[in-house]
Amino acid sequence: MMHQIKLNLKEFKCIVIGVSAGGMEALSKLLASLPADFPLSVIIVQHLHKTSTGYYLEYYNEKCSLFVKEAEQNETIKAGNIYFAPPDYHLLVEDNETLILSSDEKVNYSRPSIDILFESAADAYREKLIGIILTGANNDGDEGMRIIKQKGGFTIAQNPLEAEFPVMPQSAIDTGTIDLILTLNEIINELIKRYK
């Protein structure tokens, strides 16, 4: 794997994460590892059923030192907060670092779409963005990862060999635009060790 690349989180402002099937366990482990003074904002698209309740927010908040919330229309993104796309809404980042919700058509059969979040965040943050793809059973996020890389951002995929559903990370890897292919523990180590 491409371990020679090392992150310096001082060079970044935001992390976007895309996750689908198998995501609850992977995300809870990753988010719970982030310290209370973690300096970046984290924005997440997790594929959930459109009738999902807010239980998942309570679940993550119980485990996390950072504040976990559902994104709201025109909300200003703050460092150290974790934002989730609401079920059945696309989530976009504006150039002024605010969040926009959209009920436009599904992309890759998904709303929220990972691609839509990643592409809009890449436009807003450019080289200050880290994109992470975790477990999932479709190819949502492929185009978004390409755009993140094209705009100068940094890209990480979970190692498909350990992902509960390997299709999504493997599909992203197949685009040839992934900087690091890491296990979940290695992703955590990269983020934790390099933010100070």
N, C-alpha and C. Protein backbone atom coordinates (compact mmCIF):
# COMPACT_ATOMS: atom_id res chain seq x y z
N MET A 1 0.83 -1.19 0.00
CA MET A 1 0.00 0.00 0.00
C MET A 1 0.88 1.26 0.00
N MET A 2 0.25 2.41 -0.28
CA MET A 2 1.03 3.62 -0.52
C MET A 2 1.29 4.38 0.79
N HIS A 3 2.08 3.77 1.68
CA HIS A 3 2.26 4.36 3.01
C HIS A 3 3.26 5.50 3.04
N GLN A 4 3.99 5.72 1.96
CA GLN A 4 5.02 6.75 2.02
C GLN A 4 4.43 8.15 2.06
N ILE A 5 3.17 8.31 1.66
CA ILE A 5 2.52 9.63 1.75
C ILE A 5 2.04 9.84 3.17
N LYS A 6 2.43 10.95 3.75
CA LYS A 6 2.01 11.26 5.11
C LYS A 6 1.21 12.56 5.13
N LEU A 7 0.15 12.55 5.89
CA LEU A 7 -0.71 13.72 5.99
C LEU A 7 -0.17 14.72 7.00
N ASN A 8 -0.30 15.99 6.69
CA ASN A 8 -0.12 17.04 7.68
C ASN A 8 -1.45 17.79 7.76
N LEU A 9 -2.20 17.52 8.81
CA LEU A 9 -3.57 18.05 8.87
C LEU A 9 -3.61 19.57 8.97
N LYS A 10 -2.48 20.19 9.33
CA LYS A 10 -2.46 21.66 9.37
C LYS A 10 -2.68 22.25 7.98
N GLU A 11 -2.49 21.45 6.95
CA GLU A 11 -2.66 21.93 5.58
C GLU A 11 -4.12 21.82 5.11
N PHE A 12 -5.00 21.26 5.95
CA PHE A 12 -6.37 20.99 5.53
C PHE A 12 -7.39 21.70 6.42
N LYS A 13 -8.62 21.84 5.90
CA LYS A 13 -9.70 22.47 6.65
C LYS A 13 -10.89 21.55 6.89
N CYS A 14 -11.07 20.59 5.98
CA CYS A 14 -12.31 19.81 6.02
C CYS A 14 -12.06 18.38 5.56
N ILE A 15 -12.81 17.45 6.14
CA ILE A 15 -12.82 16.04 5.71
C ILE A 15 -14.24 15.72 5.26
N VAL A 16 -14.36 15.11 4.09
CA VAL A 16 -15.66 14.58 3.66
C VAL A 16 -15.55 13.05 3.64
N ILE A 17 -16.61 12.40 4.12
CA ILE A 17 -16.62 10.94 4.20
C ILE A 17 -17.86 10.42 3.51
N GLY A 18 -17.67 9.40 2.68
CA GLY A 18 -18.78 8.71 2.04
C GLY A 18 -18.83 7.26 2.50
N VAL A 19 -20.01 6.81 2.91
CA VAL A 19 -20.14 5.45 3.44
C VAL A 19 -21.56 4.95 3.17
N SER A 20 -21.67 3.66 2.96
CA SER A 20 -22.98 3.08 2.67
C SER A 20 -23.15 1.81 3.51
N ALA A 21 -23.42 0.68 2.87
CA ALA A 21 -23.67 -0.56 3.59
C ALA A 21 -22.49 -0.90 4.51
N GLY A 22 -22.81 -1.27 5.76
CA GLY A 22 -21.79 -1.60 6.74
C GLY A 22 -21.20 -0.39 7.43
N GLY A 23 -21.78 0.78 7.18
CA GLY A 23 -21.16 2.01 7.62
C GLY A 23 -21.28 2.33 9.09
N MET A 24 -22.30 1.83 9.74
CA MET A 24 -22.53 2.22 11.14
C MET A 24 -21.33 1.86 12.02
N GLU A 25 -20.87 0.64 11.89
CA GLU A 25 -19.76 0.17 12.72
C GLU A 25 -18.47 0.90 12.36
N ALA A 26 -18.18 1.01 11.05
CA ALA A 26 -16.94 1.66 10.61
C ALA A 26 -16.92 3.12 11.04
N LEU A 27 -18.03 3.82 10.82
CA LEU A 27 -18.08 5.24 11.17
C LEU A 27 -17.98 5.47 12.67
N SER A 28 -18.67 4.64 13.45
CA SER A 28 -18.65 4.85 14.90
C SER A 28 -17.23 4.67 15.43
N LYS A 29 -16.49 3.73 14.88
CA LYS A 29 -15.10 3.53 15.31
C LYS A 29 -14.23 4.73 14.91
N LEU A 30 -14.40 5.19 13.69
CA LEU A 30 -13.60 6.32 13.21
C LEU A 30 -13.93 7.61 13.97
N LEU A 31 -15.21 7.93 14.06
CA LEU A 31 -15.60 9.19 14.70
C LEU A 31 -15.29 9.21 16.19
N ALA A 32 -15.44 8.05 16.85
CA ALA A 32 -15.16 7.97 18.28
C ALA A 32 -13.68 8.21 18.57
N SER A 33 -12.83 8.00 17.57
CA SER A 33 -11.38 8.15 17.78
C SER A 33 -10.92 9.61 17.71
N LEU A 34 -11.76 10.49 17.17
CA LEU A 34 -11.34 11.88 16.98
C LEU A 34 -11.38 12.63 18.31
N PRO A 35 -10.29 13.30 18.68
CA PRO A 35 -10.23 13.99 19.97
C PRO A 35 -11.08 15.25 19.98
N ALA A 36 -11.39 15.72 21.18
CA ALA A 36 -12.29 16.87 21.34
C ALA A 36 -11.74 18.14 20.71
N ASP A 37 -10.41 18.22 20.56
CA ASP A 37 -9.82 19.42 19.95
C ASP A 37 -9.42 19.21 18.49
N PHE A 38 -10.05 18.22 17.85
CA PHE A 38 -9.75 17.96 16.43
C PHE A 38 -10.08 19.21 15.62
N PRO A 39 -9.14 19.69 14.78
CA PRO A 39 -9.27 21.03 14.22
C PRO A 39 -10.03 21.13 12.89
N LEU A 40 -10.42 20.01 12.32
CA LEU A 40 -11.09 20.06 11.01
C LEU A 40 -12.59 19.82 11.17
N SER A 41 -13.37 20.35 10.25
CA SER A 41 -14.78 19.97 10.17
C SER A 41 -14.87 18.65 9.41
N VAL A 42 -15.91 17.88 9.72
CA VAL A 42 -16.13 16.58 9.08
C VAL A 42 -17.57 16.57 8.54
N ILE A 43 -17.71 16.28 7.25
CA ILE A 43 -19.04 16.27 6.62
C ILE A 43 -19.25 14.90 6.00
N ILE A 44 -20.40 14.29 6.30
CA ILE A 44 -20.60 12.87 5.97
C ILE A 44 -21.89 12.65 5.20
N VAL A 45 -21.78 11.86 4.15
CA VAL A 45 -22.96 11.26 3.53
C VAL A 45 -22.94 9.77 3.85
N GLN A 46 -23.96 9.36 4.60
CA GLN A 46 -24.18 7.94 4.87
C GLN A 46 -25.52 7.58 4.25
N HIS A 47 -25.52 6.57 3.41
CA HIS A 47 -26.77 6.16 2.77
C HIS A 47 -27.69 5.56 3.83
N LEU A 48 -28.79 6.24 4.08
CA LEU A 48 -29.79 5.78 5.05
C LEU A 48 -31.15 5.75 4.36
N HIS A 49 -32.05 4.95 4.89
CA HIS A 49 -33.41 4.95 4.34
C HIS A 49 -34.04 6.32 4.60
N LYS A 50 -34.85 6.77 3.65
CA LYS A 50 -35.39 8.13 3.76
C LYS A 50 -36.29 8.34 4.98
N THR A 51 -36.77 7.25 5.57
CA THR A 51 -37.60 7.39 6.77
C THR A 51 -36.78 7.23 8.05
N SER A 52 -35.47 7.20 7.95
CA SER A 52 -34.63 7.03 9.13
C SER A 52 -34.89 8.14 10.15
N THR A 53 -34.92 7.75 11.40
CA THR A 53 -35.11 8.73 12.48
C THR A 53 -33.75 9.30 12.88
N GLY A 54 -33.75 10.16 13.86
CA GLY A 54 -32.49 10.75 14.33
C GLY A 54 -31.69 9.85 15.25
N TYR A 55 -32.11 8.56 15.34
CA TYR A 55 -31.41 7.66 16.26
C TYR A 55 -29.92 7.61 15.97
N TYR A 56 -29.55 7.61 14.69
CA TYR A 56 -28.14 7.46 14.34
C TYR A 56 -27.31 8.63 14.88
N LEU A 57 -27.91 9.82 14.96
CA LEU A 57 -27.20 10.97 15.52
C LEU A 57 -26.94 10.78 17.01
N GLU A 58 -27.95 10.29 17.73
CA GLU A 58 -27.78 10.01 19.15
C GLU A 58 -26.70 8.95 19.35
N TYR A 59 -26.73 7.95 18.49
CA TYR A 59 -25.77 6.84 18.56
C TYR A 59 -24.34 7.37 18.42
N TYR A 60 -24.12 8.21 17.41
CA TYR A 60 -22.77 8.74 17.20
C TYR A 60 -22.39 9.76 18.28
N ASN A 61 -23.33 10.58 18.70
CA ASN A 61 -23.02 11.58 19.73
C ASN A 61 -22.59 10.93 21.04
N GLU A 62 -23.19 9.79 21.36
CA GLU A 62 -22.81 9.08 22.58
C GLU A 62 -21.36 8.61 22.53
N LYS A 63 -20.87 8.33 21.33
CA LYS A 63 -19.54 7.76 21.18
C LYS A 63 -18.46 8.80 20.91
N CYS A 64 -18.86 10.00 20.47
CA CYS A 64 -17.90 10.98 19.95
C CYS A 64 -17.62 12.10 20.94
N SER A 65 -16.37 12.58 20.90
CA SER A 65 -15.99 13.77 21.67
C SER A 65 -16.43 15.04 20.94
N LEU A 66 -16.54 14.95 19.63
CA LEU A 66 -16.96 16.11 18.82
C LEU A 66 -18.48 16.16 18.75
N PHE A 67 -19.02 17.33 18.40
CA PHE A 67 -20.45 17.52 18.28
C PHE A 67 -20.93 16.96 16.94
N VAL A 68 -21.89 16.05 16.99
CA VAL A 68 -22.45 15.42 15.80
C VAL A 68 -23.85 15.95 15.57
N LYS A 69 -24.13 16.41 14.35
CA LYS A 69 -25.45 16.98 14.08
C LYS A 69 -25.85 16.73 12.63
N GLU A 70 -27.13 16.88 12.38
CA GLU A 70 -27.64 16.84 11.02
C GLU A 70 -27.45 18.24 10.41
N ALA A 71 -26.98 18.26 9.18
CA ALA A 71 -26.75 19.54 8.50
C ALA A 71 -28.07 20.28 8.30
N GLU A 72 -28.01 21.61 8.41
CA GLU A 72 -29.18 22.46 8.21
C GLU A 72 -28.93 23.43 7.06
N GLN A 73 -30.00 23.85 6.44
CA GLN A 73 -29.92 24.77 5.31
C GLN A 73 -29.19 26.06 5.69
N ASN A 74 -28.22 26.45 4.86
CA ASN A 74 -27.45 27.70 5.03
C ASN A 74 -26.62 27.75 6.31
N GLU A 75 -26.36 26.60 6.90
CA GLU A 75 -25.56 26.54 8.12
C GLU A 75 -24.09 26.80 7.80
N THR A 76 -23.43 27.58 8.64
CA THR A 76 -22.00 27.84 8.48
C THR A 76 -21.21 26.67 9.06
N ILE A 77 -20.28 26.16 8.29
CA ILE A 77 -19.47 25.01 8.72
C ILE A 77 -18.45 25.47 9.75
N LYS A 78 -18.41 24.76 10.88
CA LYS A 78 -17.48 25.11 11.96
C LYS A 78 -16.46 23.99 12.16
N ALA A 79 -15.22 24.39 12.43
CA ALA A 79 -14.17 23.41 12.72
C ALA A 79 -14.55 22.59 13.95
N GLY A 80 -14.25 21.31 13.91
CA GLY A 80 -14.51 20.45 15.06
C GLY A 80 -15.93 19.94 15.16
N ASN A 81 -16.78 20.25 14.19
CA ASN A 81 -18.14 19.70 14.16
C ASN A 81 -18.22 18.59 13.12
N ILE A 82 -19.14 17.64 13.35
CA ILE A 82 -19.40 16.55 12.41
C ILE A 82 -20.82 16.73 11.89
N TYR A 83 -20.95 16.88 10.57
CA TYR A 83 -22.25 17.13 9.94
C TYR A 83 -22.66 15.93 9.09
N PHE A 84 -23.90 15.50 9.26
CA PHE A 84 -24.45 14.42 8.43
C PHE A 84 -25.50 14.99 7.47
N ALA A 85 -25.50 14.48 6.26
CA ALA A 85 -26.58 14.79 5.34
C ALA A 85 -27.87 14.18 5.88
N PRO A 86 -28.96 14.96 5.94
CA PRO A 86 -30.23 14.38 6.39
C PRO A 86 -30.71 13.31 5.42
N PRO A 87 -31.42 12.29 5.90
CA PRO A 87 -31.97 11.29 4.99
C PRO A 87 -32.82 11.95 3.90
N ASP A 88 -32.64 11.51 2.67
CA ASP A 88 -33.42 11.93 1.50
C ASP A 88 -33.11 13.35 1.04
N TYR A 89 -31.99 13.92 1.47
CA TYR A 89 -31.54 15.23 0.97
C TYR A 89 -30.09 15.16 0.52
N HIS A 90 -29.81 15.72 -0.66
CA HIS A 90 -28.42 15.93 -1.03
C HIS A 90 -27.85 17.04 -0.15
N LEU A 91 -26.55 16.95 0.13
CA LEU A 91 -25.86 17.95 0.93
C LEU A 91 -24.72 18.54 0.11
N LEU A 92 -24.71 19.86 -0.03
CA LEU A 92 -23.68 20.54 -0.81
C LEU A 92 -22.97 21.58 0.05
N VAL A 93 -21.71 21.84 -0.31
CA VAL A 93 -20.92 22.87 0.34
C VAL A 93 -20.80 24.05 -0.63
N GLU A 94 -21.15 25.24 -0.14
CA GLU A 94 -21.01 26.45 -0.94
C GLU A 94 -19.59 27.02 -0.81
N ASP A 95 -19.22 27.90 -1.72
CA ASP A 95 -17.88 28.49 -1.69
C ASP A 95 -17.62 29.29 -0.42
N ASN A 96 -18.67 29.79 0.22
CA ASN A 96 -18.50 30.56 1.46
C ASN A 96 -18.54 29.65 2.69
N GLU A 97 -18.39 28.34 2.46
CA GLU A 97 -18.32 27.34 3.53
C GLU A 97 -19.60 27.28 4.35
N THR A 98 -20.71 27.33 3.64
CA THR A 98 -22.01 27.04 4.25
C THR A 98 -22.57 25.79 3.60
N LEU A 99 -23.57 25.21 4.25
CA LEU A 99 -24.17 23.96 3.78
C LEU A 99 -25.52 24.23 3.13
N ILE A 100 -25.78 23.52 2.06
CA ILE A 100 -27.04 23.65 1.32
C ILE A 100 -27.67 22.26 1.20
N LEU A 101 -28.98 22.20 1.44
CA LEU A 101 -29.73 20.96 1.25
C LEU A 101 -30.51 21.02 -0.05
N SER A 102 -30.60 19.88 -0.72
CA SER A 102 -31.31 19.84 -2.00
C SER A 102 -32.10 18.55 -2.11
N SER A 103 -33.31 18.66 -2.69
CA SER A 103 -34.10 17.45 -2.95
C SER A 103 -34.13 17.14 -4.44
N ASP A 104 -33.09 17.54 -5.15
CA ASP A 104 -32.98 17.21 -6.58
C ASP A 104 -32.97 15.70 -6.79
N GLU A 105 -33.03 15.32 -8.06
CA GLU A 105 -33.10 13.89 -8.41
C GLU A 105 -31.96 13.10 -7.79
N LYS A 106 -32.21 11.81 -7.56
CA LYS A 106 -31.18 10.93 -7.02
C LYS A 106 -30.00 10.83 -8.00
N VAL A 107 -28.82 10.64 -7.45
CA VAL A 107 -27.61 10.41 -8.24
C VAL A 107 -27.04 9.06 -7.80
N ASN A 108 -26.73 8.20 -8.77
CA ASN A 108 -26.31 6.83 -8.43
C ASN A 108 -27.36 6.14 -7.54
N TYR A 109 -28.63 6.40 -7.84
CA TYR A 109 -29.75 5.82 -7.09
C TYR A 109 -29.79 6.29 -5.64
N SER A 110 -29.06 7.34 -5.33
CA SER A 110 -28.94 7.75 -3.93
C SER A 110 -29.28 9.23 -3.73
N ARG A 111 -29.98 9.49 -2.64
CA ARG A 111 -30.17 10.85 -2.13
C ARG A 111 -30.21 10.73 -0.62
N PRO A 112 -29.16 11.12 0.08
CA PRO A 112 -28.04 11.95 -0.38
C PRO A 112 -27.04 11.16 -1.23
N SER A 113 -26.36 11.90 -2.09
CA SER A 113 -25.33 11.33 -2.95
C SER A 113 -23.94 11.73 -2.45
N ILE A 114 -23.06 10.76 -2.35
CA ILE A 114 -21.67 11.03 -1.97
C ILE A 114 -21.01 11.92 -3.01
N ASP A 115 -21.24 11.60 -4.29
CA ASP A 115 -20.63 12.39 -5.37
C ASP A 115 -20.96 13.87 -5.25
N ILE A 116 -22.22 14.18 -4.98
CA ILE A 116 -22.65 15.58 -4.92
C ILE A 116 -21.95 16.31 -3.78
N LEU A 117 -21.87 15.69 -2.60
CA LEU A 117 -21.14 16.31 -1.49
C LEU A 117 -19.67 16.49 -1.87
N PHE A 118 -19.03 15.44 -2.36
CA PHE A 118 -17.59 15.49 -2.64
C PHE A 118 -17.26 16.55 -3.69
N GLU A 119 -18.05 16.59 -4.75
CA GLU A 119 -17.75 17.54 -5.84
C GLU A 119 -17.92 18.98 -5.38
N SER A 120 -18.98 19.26 -4.61
CA SER A 120 -19.20 20.64 -4.15
C SER A 120 -18.14 21.03 -3.11
N ALA A 121 -17.76 20.09 -2.25
CA ALA A 121 -16.72 20.37 -1.25
C ALA A 121 -15.37 20.60 -1.93
N ALA A 122 -15.10 19.86 -3.00
CA ALA A 122 -13.85 20.03 -3.73
C ALA A 122 -13.77 21.43 -4.34
N ASP A 123 -14.90 21.92 -4.85
CA ASP A 123 -14.94 23.28 -5.41
C ASP A 123 -14.69 24.32 -4.31
N ALA A 124 -15.22 24.07 -3.12
CA ALA A 124 -15.12 25.06 -2.03
C ALA A 124 -13.76 25.03 -1.35
N TYR A 125 -13.22 23.84 -1.12
CA TYR A 125 -12.01 23.72 -0.31
C TYR A 125 -10.74 23.43 -1.12
N ARG A 126 -10.90 22.90 -2.31
CA ARG A 126 -9.77 22.60 -3.20
C ARG A 126 -8.68 21.80 -2.49
N GLU A 127 -7.45 22.32 -2.37
CA GLU A 127 -6.34 21.55 -1.79
C GLU A 127 -6.45 21.42 -0.27
N LYS A 128 -7.47 22.05 0.32
CA LYS A 128 -7.66 21.99 1.78
C LYS A 128 -8.61 20.86 2.19
N LEU A 129 -8.93 19.96 1.26
CA LEU A 129 -9.95 18.93 1.49
C LEU A 129 -9.35 17.52 1.50
N ILE A 130 -9.84 16.70 2.43
CA ILE A 130 -9.53 15.27 2.44
C ILE A 130 -10.83 14.52 2.16
N GLY A 131 -10.81 13.61 1.21
CA GLY A 131 -11.96 12.75 0.91
C GLY A 131 -11.68 11.32 1.35
N ILE A 132 -12.64 10.72 2.04
CA ILE A 132 -12.49 9.34 2.53
C ILE A 132 -13.69 8.51 2.09
N ILE A 133 -13.42 7.37 1.48
CA ILE A 133 -14.47 6.41 1.10
C ILE A 133 -14.33 5.17 1.97
N LEU A 134 -15.46 4.80 2.62
CA LEU A 134 -15.48 3.60 3.46
C LEU A 134 -16.37 2.54 2.83
N THR A 135 -16.70 1.54 3.61
CA THR A 135 -17.49 0.39 3.17
C THR A 135 -18.78 0.80 2.45
N GLY A 136 -19.17 0.03 1.46
CA GLY A 136 -20.41 0.28 0.73
C GLY A 136 -20.55 -0.67 -0.44
N ALA A 137 -21.77 -0.74 -0.97
CA ALA A 137 -22.07 -1.76 -1.99
C ALA A 137 -22.41 -1.16 -3.35
N ASN A 138 -22.02 0.11 -3.59
CA ASN A 138 -22.24 0.67 -4.92
C ASN A 138 -21.04 1.53 -5.30
N ASN A 139 -21.15 2.31 -6.37
CA ASN A 139 -19.99 3.09 -6.81
C ASN A 139 -20.17 4.59 -6.57
N ASP A 140 -21.11 4.96 -5.69
CA ASP A 140 -21.27 6.37 -5.35
C ASP A 140 -19.96 6.87 -4.72
N GLY A 141 -19.50 8.01 -5.16
CA GLY A 141 -18.25 8.57 -4.66
C GLY A 141 -17.10 8.54 -5.64
N ASP A 142 -17.20 7.70 -6.67
CA ASP A 142 -16.12 7.59 -7.66
C ASP A 142 -15.81 8.94 -8.31
N GLU A 143 -16.84 9.55 -8.86
CA GLU A 143 -16.65 10.82 -9.57
C GLU A 143 -16.23 11.91 -8.59
N GLY A 144 -16.78 11.89 -7.40
CA GLY A 144 -16.41 12.85 -6.38
C GLY A 144 -14.94 12.76 -6.01
N MET A 145 -14.44 11.54 -5.88
CA MET A 145 -13.01 11.36 -5.56
C MET A 145 -12.14 11.89 -6.70
N ARG A 146 -12.57 11.67 -7.91
CA ARG A 146 -11.82 12.20 -9.07
C ARG A 146 -11.73 13.72 -9.02
N ILE A 147 -12.85 14.35 -8.67
CA ILE A 147 -12.87 15.82 -8.62
C ILE A 147 -12.02 16.33 -7.46
N ILE A 148 -12.10 15.68 -6.30
CA ILE A 148 -11.27 16.08 -5.16
C ILE A 148 -9.80 16.06 -5.57
N LYS A 149 -9.38 14.98 -6.22
CA LYS A 149 -7.98 14.86 -6.64
C LYS A 149 -7.64 15.93 -7.68
N GLN A 150 -8.54 16.13 -8.62
CA GLN A 150 -8.33 17.11 -9.69
C GLN A 150 -8.15 18.52 -9.13
N LYS A 151 -8.88 18.83 -8.03
CA LYS A 151 -8.81 20.17 -7.43
C LYS A 151 -7.68 20.30 -6.41
N GLY A 152 -6.87 19.25 -6.28
CA GLY A 152 -5.70 19.33 -5.41
C GLY A 152 -5.89 18.75 -4.02
N GLY A 153 -7.04 18.13 -3.75
CA GLY A 153 -7.29 17.55 -2.43
C GLY A 153 -6.60 16.20 -2.26
N PHE A 154 -6.83 15.59 -1.10
CA PHE A 154 -6.18 14.34 -0.72
C PHE A 154 -7.24 13.25 -0.58
N THR A 155 -6.96 12.05 -1.08
CA THR A 155 -7.98 11.00 -1.14
C THR A 155 -7.53 9.73 -0.43
N ILE A 156 -8.45 9.15 0.34
CA ILE A 156 -8.18 7.93 1.10
C ILE A 156 -9.34 6.95 0.88
N ALA A 157 -9.00 5.68 0.65
CA ALA A 157 -10.02 4.63 0.56
C ALA A 157 -9.72 3.56 1.61
N GLN A 158 -10.78 3.08 2.23
CA GLN A 158 -10.62 1.94 3.13
C GLN A 158 -10.16 0.74 2.33
N ASN A 159 -9.25 -0.03 2.90
CA ASN A 159 -8.78 -1.25 2.23
C ASN A 159 -9.97 -2.19 2.01
N PRO A 160 -10.27 -2.52 0.75
CA PRO A 160 -11.43 -3.38 0.47
C PRO A 160 -11.35 -4.74 1.15
N LEU A 161 -10.15 -5.20 1.44
CA LEU A 161 -9.98 -6.52 2.06
C LEU A 161 -10.57 -6.56 3.47
N GLU A 162 -10.69 -5.40 4.13
CA GLU A 162 -11.27 -5.39 5.49
C GLU A 162 -12.64 -4.73 5.52
N ALA A 163 -13.04 -4.07 4.43
CA ALA A 163 -14.35 -3.41 4.42
C ALA A 163 -15.46 -4.46 4.46
N GLU A 164 -16.50 -4.18 5.23
CA GLU A 164 -17.62 -5.14 5.31
C GLU A 164 -18.26 -5.33 3.94
N PHE A 165 -18.36 -4.24 3.18
CA PHE A 165 -18.82 -4.29 1.79
C PHE A 165 -17.74 -3.61 0.94
N PRO A 166 -16.94 -4.38 0.18
CA PRO A 166 -15.75 -3.84 -0.48
C PRO A 166 -16.01 -3.10 -1.78
N VAL A 167 -17.22 -3.17 -2.32
CA VAL A 167 -17.46 -2.63 -3.67
C VAL A 167 -17.14 -1.14 -3.76
N MET A 168 -17.61 -0.36 -2.79
CA MET A 168 -17.46 1.09 -2.89
C MET A 168 -16.00 1.53 -2.79
N PRO A 169 -15.24 1.08 -1.79
CA PRO A 169 -13.83 1.47 -1.78
C PRO A 169 -13.06 0.94 -2.98
N GLN A 170 -13.36 -0.28 -3.41
CA GLN A 170 -12.64 -0.84 -4.56
C GLN A 170 -12.94 -0.05 -5.83
N SER A 171 -14.19 0.35 -5.97
CA SER A 171 -14.59 1.14 -7.14
C SER A 171 -13.86 2.47 -7.17
N ALA A 172 -13.72 3.09 -6.01
CA ALA A 172 -12.97 4.35 -5.93
C ALA A 172 -11.50 4.13 -6.26
N ILE A 173 -10.93 3.05 -5.74
CA ILE A 173 -9.52 2.72 -6.02
C ILE A 173 -9.31 2.52 -7.52
N ASP A 174 -10.28 1.91 -8.16
CA ASP A 174 -10.17 1.62 -9.60
C ASP A 174 -10.13 2.88 -10.46
N THR A 175 -10.52 4.02 -9.89
CA THR A 175 -10.45 5.28 -10.66
C THR A 175 -9.00 5.75 -10.81
N GLY A 176 -8.10 5.21 -9.98
CA GLY A 176 -6.69 5.61 -10.06
C GLY A 176 -6.41 6.96 -9.40
N THR A 177 -7.33 7.45 -8.58
CA THR A 177 -7.16 8.78 -7.99
C THR A 177 -7.04 8.74 -6.46
N ILE A 178 -6.74 7.58 -5.90
CA ILE A 178 -6.64 7.43 -4.45
C ILE A 178 -5.19 7.56 -3.99
N ASP A 179 -4.95 8.44 -3.02
CA ASP A 179 -3.60 8.64 -2.50
C ASP A 179 -3.19 7.54 -1.53
N LEU A 180 -4.10 7.14 -0.65
CA LEU A 180 -3.80 6.12 0.34
C LEU A 180 -4.90 5.09 0.41
N ILE A 181 -4.51 3.82 0.48
CA ILE A 181 -5.44 2.71 0.70
C ILE A 181 -5.08 2.13 2.07
N LEU A 182 -5.97 2.29 3.04
CA LEU A 182 -5.64 2.01 4.43
C LEU A 182 -6.75 1.22 5.11
N THR A 183 -6.37 0.43 6.11
CA THR A 183 -7.38 -0.16 6.99
C THR A 183 -8.00 0.95 7.83
N LEU A 184 -9.10 0.64 8.46
CA LEU A 184 -9.77 1.63 9.30
C LEU A 184 -8.83 2.13 10.40
N ASN A 185 -8.10 1.23 11.03
CA ASN A 185 -7.17 1.64 12.08
C ASN A 185 -6.06 2.54 11.53
N GLU A 186 -5.61 2.25 10.33
CA GLU A 186 -4.57 3.09 9.71
C GLU A 186 -5.11 4.47 9.37
N ILE A 187 -6.36 4.54 8.91
CA ILE A 187 -6.99 5.84 8.65
C ILE A 187 -7.04 6.65 9.95
N ILE A 188 -7.47 6.01 11.03
CA ILE A 188 -7.54 6.67 12.33
C ILE A 188 -6.16 7.17 12.73
N ASN A 189 -5.15 6.33 12.57
CA ASN A 189 -3.79 6.73 12.95
C ASN A 189 -3.32 7.93 12.14
N GLU A 190 -3.62 7.93 10.83
CA GLU A 190 -3.21 9.06 9.99
C GLU A 190 -3.85 10.36 10.49
N LEU A 191 -5.13 10.29 10.85
CA LEU A 191 -5.85 11.49 11.25
C LEU A 191 -5.44 11.95 12.65
N ILE A 192 -5.25 11.01 13.56
CA ILE A 192 -4.96 11.37 14.95
C ILE A 192 -3.52 11.84 15.12
N LYS A 193 -2.60 11.11 14.54
CA LYS A 193 -1.18 11.40 14.78
C LYS A 193 -0.73 12.69 14.11
N ARG A 194 -1.45 13.11 13.11
CA ARG A 194 -0.93 14.19 12.27
C ARG A 194 -1.68 15.52 12.44
N TYR A 195 -2.56 15.60 13.42
CA TYR A 195 -3.31 16.86 13.55
C TYR A 195 -2.63 17.84 14.50
N LYS A 196 -1.66 17.36 15.28
CA LYS A 196 -1.02 18.26 16.27
C LYS A 196 0.08 19.05 15.62
